[in-house]
Amino acid sequence: MTALDAAMFVWAKTDANARACVEEVMRLRSNFVRNTFRELGFRGDDLEMRARSFFLCLSAATNHLFFLTTEERIADHEQRLDLLLQGSVE
C-alpha cells in the first residue's frame, strides 16, 4: 500500500465512482494474494488468515514504519513474509 492508496480511500468516502474503483482494485489485489498463498499450498482458514495478515503488514508498514530506512523496511518485509510462509509446501 502507498500514500496514494490512503488518498484514494479518503476520496472513495465521498465519490461513488472512486469508491467503485477502489473496491475493484482491492478485490483484484486480494484475489492475487489469496491465489498466491493457495499456490503455496495453504487452504481454508489458514489461507484466509495469511492473506489478511499480508495486507495488514503492508498497511502497517506504509502507515507506521515510515521512519525506517529502505534497508530496514526491506528486512522487516522479509521477516514478515518468512513468518507468513512457514508451513508452505513450496
C-alpha atoms as a PDB file:
ATOM      1  CA  MET A   1       0.000   0.000   0.000  1.00  0.00           C
ATOM      2  CA  THR A   2       1.166   3.505  -0.715  1.00  0.00           C
ATOM      3  CA  ALA A   3       0.339   7.044   0.303  1.00  0.00           C
ATOM      4  CA  LEU A   4      -1.723   7.206  -2.896  1.00  0.00           C
ATOM      5  CA  ASP A   5      -3.839   4.330  -1.607  1.00  0.00           C
ATOM      6  CA  ALA A   6      -4.618   6.323   1.532  1.00  0.00           C
ATOM      7  CA  ALA A   7      -5.652   9.329  -0.561  1.00  0.00           C
ATOM      8  CA  MET A   8      -7.844   7.122  -2.763  1.00  0.00           C
ATOM      9  CA  PHE A   9      -9.565   5.639   0.320  1.00  0.00           C
ATOM     10  CA  VAL A  10     -10.395   9.133   1.567  1.00  0.00           C
ATOM     11  CA  TRP A  11     -11.679  10.177  -1.859  1.00  0.00           C
ATOM     12  CA  ALA A  12     -13.746   6.997  -2.115  1.00  0.00           C
ATOM     13  CA  LYS A  13     -15.689   8.008   1.004  1.00  0.00           C
ATOM     14  CA  THR A  14     -17.242  10.920  -0.869  1.00  0.00           C
ATOM     15  CA  ASP A  15     -17.273   9.832  -4.522  1.00  0.00           C
ATOM     16  CA  ALA A  16     -19.197   6.788  -5.760  1.00  0.00           C
ATOM     17  CA  ASN A  17     -17.021   6.331  -8.868  1.00  0.00           C
ATOM     18  CA  ALA A  18     -13.827   6.495  -6.828  1.00  0.00           C
ATOM     19  CA  ARG A  19     -15.335   4.012  -4.364  1.00  0.00           C
ATOM     20  CA  ALA A  20     -16.165   1.554  -7.157  1.00  0.00           C
ATOM     21  CA  CYS A  21     -12.612   1.800  -8.498  1.00  0.00           C
ATOM     22  CA  VAL A  22     -11.043   1.355  -5.063  1.00  0.00           C
ATOM     23  CA  GLU A  23     -13.260  -1.650  -4.325  1.00  0.00           C
ATOM     24  CA  GLU A  24     -12.314  -3.255  -7.646  1.00  0.00           C
ATOM     25  CA  VAL A  25      -8.593  -2.704  -7.105  1.00  0.00           C
ATOM     26  CA  MET A  26      -8.826  -4.106  -3.564  1.00  0.00           C
ATOM     27  CA  ARG A  27     -10.756  -7.123  -4.869  1.00  0.00           C
ATOM     28  CA  LEU A  28      -8.095  -7.771  -7.528  1.00  0.00           C
ATOM     29  CA  ARG A  29      -5.262  -7.390  -5.013  1.00  0.00           C
ATOM     30  CA  SER A  30      -7.000  -9.635  -2.511  1.00  0.00           C
ATOM     31  CA  ASN A  31      -7.601 -12.331  -5.122  1.00  0.00           C
ATOM     32  CA  PHE A  32      -3.977 -12.152  -6.253  1.00  0.00           C
ATOM     33  CA  VAL A  33      -2.645 -12.550  -2.712  1.00  0.00           C
ATOM     34  CA  ARG A  34      -5.153 -15.295  -1.870  1.00  0.00           C
ATOM     35  CA  ASN A  35      -4.283 -17.210  -5.051  1.00  0.00           C
ATOM     36  CA  THR A  36      -0.575 -16.854  -4.338  1.00  0.00           C
ATOM     37  CA  PHE A  37      -0.979 -18.386  -0.880  1.00  0.00           C
ATOM     38  CA  ARG A  38      -3.205 -21.095  -2.405  1.00  0.00           C
ATOM     39  CA  GLU A  39      -0.463 -21.949  -4.924  1.00  0.00           C
ATOM     40  CA  LEU A  40       1.925 -22.299  -1.979  1.00  0.00           C
ATOM     41  CA  GLY A  41      -0.333 -24.990  -0.531  1.00  0.00           C
ATOM     42  CA  PHE A  42      -2.390 -23.111   2.056  1.00  0.00           C
ATOM     43  CA  ARG A  43      -6.120 -23.811   2.343  1.00  0.00           C
ATOM     44  CA  GLY A  44      -9.193 -22.766   4.313  1.00  0.00           C
ATOM     45  CA  ASP A  45      -8.841 -20.634   7.419  1.00  0.00           C
ATOM     46  CA  ASP A  46      -5.049 -20.817   7.231  1.00  0.00           C
ATOM     47  CA  LEU A  47      -5.092 -19.332   3.727  1.00  0.00           C
ATOM     48  CA  GLU A  48      -7.533 -16.558   4.725  1.00  0.00           C
ATOM     49  CA  MET A  49      -5.541 -15.653   7.849  1.00  0.00           C
ATOM     50  CA  ARG A  50      -2.314 -15.375   5.856  1.00  0.00           C
ATOM     51  CA  ALA A  51      -3.900 -13.291   3.098  1.00  0.00           C
ATOM     52  CA  ARG A  52      -5.446 -10.862   5.608  1.00  0.00           C
ATOM     53  CA  SER A  53      -2.227 -10.730   7.622  1.00  0.00           C
ATOM     54  CA  PHE A  54      -0.264  -9.937   4.468  1.00  0.00           C
ATOM     55  CA  PHE A  55      -2.488  -6.909   3.801  1.00  0.00           C
ATOM     56  CA  LEU A  56      -2.285  -5.780   7.416  1.00  0.00           C
ATOM     57  CA  CYS A  57       1.510  -5.993   7.303  1.00  0.00           C
ATOM     58  CA  LEU A  58       1.633  -3.867   4.164  1.00  0.00           C
ATOM     59  CA  SER A  59      -0.749  -1.329   5.633  1.00  0.00           C
ATOM     60  CA  ALA A  60       1.147  -1.114   8.912  1.00  0.00           C
ATOM     61  CA  ALA A  61       4.452  -0.763   7.117  1.00  0.00           C
ATOM     62  CA  THR A  62       3.133   2.079   4.994  1.00  0.00           C
ATOM     63  CA  ASN A  63       1.419   3.946   7.806  1.00  0.00           C
ATOM     64  CA  HIS A  64       3.516   3.232  10.878  1.00  0.00           C
ATOM     65  CA  LEU A  65       7.041   2.313   9.823  1.00  0.00           C
ATOM     66  CA  PHE A  66       7.756   5.404   7.745  1.00  0.00           C
ATOM     67  CA  PHE A  67      10.756   6.222   9.951  1.00  0.00           C
ATOM     68  CA  LEU A  68      12.664   3.110   8.855  1.00  0.00           C
ATOM     69  CA  THR A  69      15.332   3.292   6.195  1.00  0.00           C
ATOM     70  CA  THR A  70      14.716   1.464   2.932  1.00  0.00           C
ATOM     71  CA  GLU A  71      17.058  -1.327   4.042  1.00  0.00           C
ATOM     72  CA  GLU A  72      15.257  -1.679   7.391  1.00  0.00           C
ATOM     73  CA  ARG A  73      11.880  -1.721   5.639  1.00  0.00           C
ATOM     74  CA  ILE A  74      13.046  -4.480   3.269  1.00  0.00           C
ATOM     75  CA  ALA A  75      14.376  -6.532   6.194  1.00  0.00           C
ATOM     76  CA  ASP A  76      11.082  -6.045   8.040  1.00  0.00           C
ATOM     77  CA  HIS A  77       9.087  -7.179   4.987  1.00  0.00           C
ATOM     78  CA  GLU A  78      11.311 -10.231   4.565  1.00  0.00           C
ATOM     79  CA  GLN A  79      10.840 -11.242   8.220  1.00  0.00           C
ATOM     80  CA  ARG A  80       7.062 -10.886   7.978  1.00  0.00           C
ATOM     81  CA  LEU A  81       6.952 -12.820   4.715  1.00  0.00           C
ATOM     82  CA  ASP A  82       9.099 -15.614   6.190  1.00  0.00           C
ATOM     83  CA  LEU A  83       6.645 -15.862   9.076  1.00  0.00           C
ATOM     84  CA  LEU A  84       3.621 -15.965   6.761  1.00  0.00           C
ATOM     85  CA  LEU A  85       5.207 -18.641   4.585  1.00  0.00           C
ATOM     86  CA  GLN A  86       6.081 -21.047   7.400  1.00  0.00           C
ATOM     87  CA  GLY A  87       4.463 -24.366   6.665  1.00  0.00           C
ATOM     88  CA  SER A  88       4.069 -23.841   2.915  1.00  0.00           C
ATOM     89  CA  VAL A  89       4.691 -26.733   0.549  1.00  0.00           C
ATOM     90  CA  GLU A  90       6.786 -24.696  -1.912  1.00  0.00           C
END
